[in-house]
Amino acid sequence: MVLPPQGIQSDQFVYHYDMPGQPIVFLAHSTLVPPGETVISRSQTEQLGQALAAIHAFFAPVYGPLTPDHFYAMDVEWKYNTEPGETESRLVIKQARPYPGRGQ
């Protein structure tokens, strides 16, 4: 949710895609699902990680090599959508753009 109504909290997490075991660290949990549940599943998080890695790789030639002291962030808008008649949600990337500052 871009701007949830007052009192509504979204899941907020850091997904360590490049680390062994790909840990997910939750910063906040959604108030829209029962305690102990998450809005998106582990497999959806993995799918999102793969998509974000591909987007980052696509922009890499423009922003130079990725090194410990030179990186760039991406601002990516996405959603999981279930069309009428479908049983599985599919990932939709709405837009992706480099984040200003390029790690400076």
C-alpha atoms as a PDB file:
ATOM      1  CA  MET A   1       0.000   0.000   0.000  1.00  0.00           C
ATOM      2  CA  VAL A   2       1.339   3.369  -0.918  1.00  0.00           C
ATOM      3  CA  LEU A   3      -0.702   5.250   1.656  1.00  0.00           C
ATOM      4  CA  PRO A   4      -2.729   2.881   3.836  1.00  0.00           C
ATOM      5  CA  PRO A   5      -5.615   4.206   5.913  1.00  0.00           C
ATOM      6  CA  GLN A   6      -4.848   5.205   9.481  1.00  0.00           C
ATOM      7  CA  GLY A   7      -4.375   2.144  11.688  1.00  0.00           C
ATOM      8  CA  ILE A   8      -3.412  -0.160   8.804  1.00  0.00           C
ATOM      9  CA  GLN A   9       0.157  -1.473   8.828  1.00  0.00           C
ATOM     10  CA  SER A  10       1.794  -3.203   5.861  1.00  0.00           C
ATOM     11  CA  ASP A  11       4.425  -5.940   5.930  1.00  0.00           C
ATOM     12  CA  GLN A  12       7.866  -4.356   5.835  1.00  0.00           C
ATOM     13  CA  PHE A  13      10.912  -6.544   5.424  1.00  0.00           C
ATOM     14  CA  VAL A  14      14.471  -6.759   4.209  1.00  0.00           C
ATOM     15  CA  TYR A  15      15.101  -9.749   1.958  1.00  0.00           C
ATOM     16  CA  HIS A  16      18.784 -10.684   1.897  1.00  0.00           C
ATOM     17  CA  TYR A  17      18.650 -12.182  -1.589  1.00  0.00           C
ATOM     18  CA  ASP A  18      22.426 -12.556  -1.992  1.00  0.00           C
ATOM     19  CA  MET A  19      23.077 -14.126   1.420  1.00  0.00           C
ATOM     20  CA  PRO A  20      23.175 -17.870   2.109  1.00  0.00           C
ATOM     21  CA  GLY A  21      19.683 -19.063   3.016  1.00  0.00           C
ATOM     22  CA  GLN A  22      18.217 -15.764   1.788  1.00  0.00           C
ATOM     23  CA  PRO A  23      16.960 -14.621   5.210  1.00  0.00           C
ATOM     24  CA  ILE A  24      13.953 -12.334   5.489  1.00  0.00           C
ATOM     25  CA  VAL A  25      14.023  -9.833   8.358  1.00  0.00           C
ATOM     26  CA  PHE A  26      10.647  -8.301   9.146  1.00  0.00           C
ATOM     27  CA  LEU A  27      10.612  -4.691  10.314  1.00  0.00           C
ATOM     28  CA  ALA A  28       6.811  -4.635  10.694  1.00  0.00           C
ATOM     29  CA  HIS A  29       3.906  -7.013  10.131  1.00  0.00           C
ATOM     30  CA  SER A  30       0.656  -6.327   8.335  1.00  0.00           C
ATOM     31  CA  THR A  31      -2.505  -5.750  10.307  1.00  0.00           C
ATOM     32  CA  LEU A  32      -4.504  -7.151   7.359  1.00  0.00           C
ATOM     33  CA  VAL A  33      -3.581 -10.790   8.035  1.00  0.00           C
ATOM     34  CA  PRO A  34      -3.684 -12.843  11.246  1.00  0.00           C
ATOM     35  CA  PRO A  35      -0.611 -12.691  13.521  1.00  0.00           C
ATOM     36  CA  GLY A  36       2.100 -15.063  12.347  1.00  0.00           C
ATOM     37  CA  GLU A  37       1.040 -14.835   8.686  1.00  0.00           C
ATOM     38  CA  THR A  38       2.534 -12.675   5.956  1.00  0.00           C
ATOM     39  CA  VAL A  39       0.935 -10.920   3.007  1.00  0.00           C
ATOM     40  CA  ILE A  40       3.142 -12.642   0.426  1.00  0.00           C
ATOM     41  CA  SER A  41       4.512 -16.165   0.685  1.00  0.00           C
ATOM     42  CA  ARG A  42       8.141 -17.240   0.838  1.00  0.00           C
ATOM     43  CA  SER A  43       7.958 -18.434  -2.778  1.00  0.00           C
ATOM     44  CA  GLN A  44       6.476 -15.087  -3.856  1.00  0.00           C
ATOM     45  CA  THR A  45       9.299 -13.307  -2.020  1.00  0.00           C
ATOM     46  CA  GLU A  46      11.832 -15.490  -3.857  1.00  0.00           C
ATOM     47  CA  GLN A  47      10.130 -14.740  -7.182  1.00  0.00           C
ATOM     48  CA  LEU A  48      10.216 -11.023  -6.364  1.00  0.00           C
ATOM     49  CA  GLY A  49      13.922 -11.292  -5.484  1.00  0.00           C
ATOM     50  CA  GLN A  50      14.666 -12.914  -8.849  1.00  0.00           C
ATOM     51  CA  ALA A  51      12.760 -10.185 -10.691  1.00  0.00           C
ATOM     52  CA  LEU A  52      14.502  -7.407  -8.756  1.00  0.00           C
ATOM     53  CA  ALA A  53      17.918  -8.977  -9.425  1.00  0.00           C
ATOM     54  CA  ALA A  54      17.117  -9.101 -13.159  1.00  0.00           C
ATOM     55  CA  ILE A  55      16.016  -5.450 -13.148  1.00  0.00           C
ATOM     56  CA  HIS A  56      19.172  -4.423 -11.292  1.00  0.00           C
ATOM     57  CA  ALA A  57      21.324  -6.355 -13.783  1.00  0.00           C
ATOM     58  CA  PHE A  58      19.519  -4.696 -16.694  1.00  0.00           C
ATOM     59  CA  PHE A  59      20.458  -1.218 -15.436  1.00  0.00           C
ATOM     60  CA  ALA A  60      24.012  -2.184 -14.381  1.00  0.00           C
ATOM     61  CA  PRO A  61      25.717  -1.234 -17.689  1.00  0.00           C
ATOM     62  CA  VAL A  62      24.394   2.312 -17.348  1.00  0.00           C
ATOM     63  CA  TYR A  63      25.557   2.816 -13.760  1.00  0.00           C
ATOM     64  CA  GLY A  64      28.911   1.069 -13.868  1.00  0.00           C
ATOM     65  CA  PRO A  65      30.303  -1.983 -12.129  1.00  0.00           C
ATOM     66  CA  LEU A  66      28.944  -3.027  -8.768  1.00  0.00           C
ATOM     67  CA  THR A  67      31.722  -2.827  -6.188  1.00  0.00           C
ATOM     68  CA  PRO A  68      31.701  -2.542  -2.384  1.00  0.00           C
ATOM     69  CA  ASP A  69      32.184   1.224  -2.631  1.00  0.00           C
ATOM     70  CA  HIS A  70      29.992   1.835  -5.702  1.00  0.00           C
ATOM     71  CA  PHE A  71      26.400   0.685  -5.868  1.00  0.00           C
ATOM     72  CA  TYR A  72      23.052   2.007  -6.968  1.00  0.00           C
ATOM     73  CA  ALA A  73      19.559   1.440  -5.690  1.00  0.00           C
ATOM     74  CA  MET A  74      16.361   0.891  -7.631  1.00  0.00           C
ATOM     75  CA  ASP A  75      12.877   2.193  -6.904  1.00  0.00           C
ATOM     76  CA  VAL A  76      10.547  -0.556  -8.123  1.00  0.00           C
ATOM     77  CA  GLU A  77       6.768  -0.598  -7.928  1.00  0.00           C
ATOM     78  CA  TRP A  78       5.229  -4.056  -8.070  1.00  0.00           C
ATOM     79  CA  LYS A  79       2.170  -6.043  -7.098  1.00  0.00           C
ATOM     80  CA  TYR A  80       0.837  -9.570  -7.097  1.00  0.00           C
ATOM     81  CA  ASN A  81      -2.360  -9.752  -9.103  1.00  0.00           C
ATOM     82  CA  THR A  82      -4.949 -12.488  -9.556  1.00  0.00           C
ATOM     83  CA  GLU A  83      -7.057 -12.165 -12.689  1.00  0.00           C
ATOM     84  CA  PRO A  84     -10.655 -13.439 -12.790  1.00  0.00           C
ATOM     85  CA  GLY A  85     -10.621 -17.189 -13.319  1.00  0.00           C
ATOM     86  CA  GLU A  86      -7.007 -17.563 -12.149  1.00  0.00           C
ATOM     87  CA  THR A  87      -6.078 -19.336  -8.943  1.00  0.00           C
ATOM     88  CA  GLU A  88      -2.463 -18.154  -8.703  1.00  0.00           C
ATOM     89  CA  SER A  89      -1.322 -14.581  -8.250  1.00  0.00           C
ATOM     90  CA  ARG A  90       1.294 -13.393 -10.690  1.00  0.00           C
ATOM     91  CA  LEU A  91       3.977 -10.802 -10.169  1.00  0.00           C
ATOM     92  CA  VAL A  92       3.486  -7.564 -12.081  1.00  0.00           C
ATOM     93  CA  ILE A  93       6.310  -5.019 -12.242  1.00  0.00           C
ATOM     94  CA  LYS A  94       4.585  -1.665 -12.605  1.00  0.00           C
ATOM     95  CA  GLN A  95       7.701   0.465 -13.053  1.00  0.00           C
ATOM     96  CA  ALA A  96      11.390   0.492 -12.200  1.00  0.00           C
ATOM     97  CA  ARG A  97      13.807   3.374 -12.078  1.00  0.00           C
ATOM     98  CA  PRO A  98      17.229   4.006 -10.584  1.00  0.00           C
ATOM     99  CA  TYR A  99      17.058   5.695  -7.211  1.00  0.00           C
ATOM    100  CA  PRO A 100      18.648   9.170  -7.108  1.00  0.00           C
ATOM    101  CA  GLY A 101      22.025   9.403  -5.425  1.00  0.00           C
ATOM    102  CA  ARG A 102      23.614   6.246  -6.839  1.00  0.00           C
ATOM    103  CA  GLY A 103      24.898   5.184  -3.424  1.00  0.00           C
ATOM    104  CA  GLN A 104      26.580   8.483  -2.653  1.00  0.00           C
END
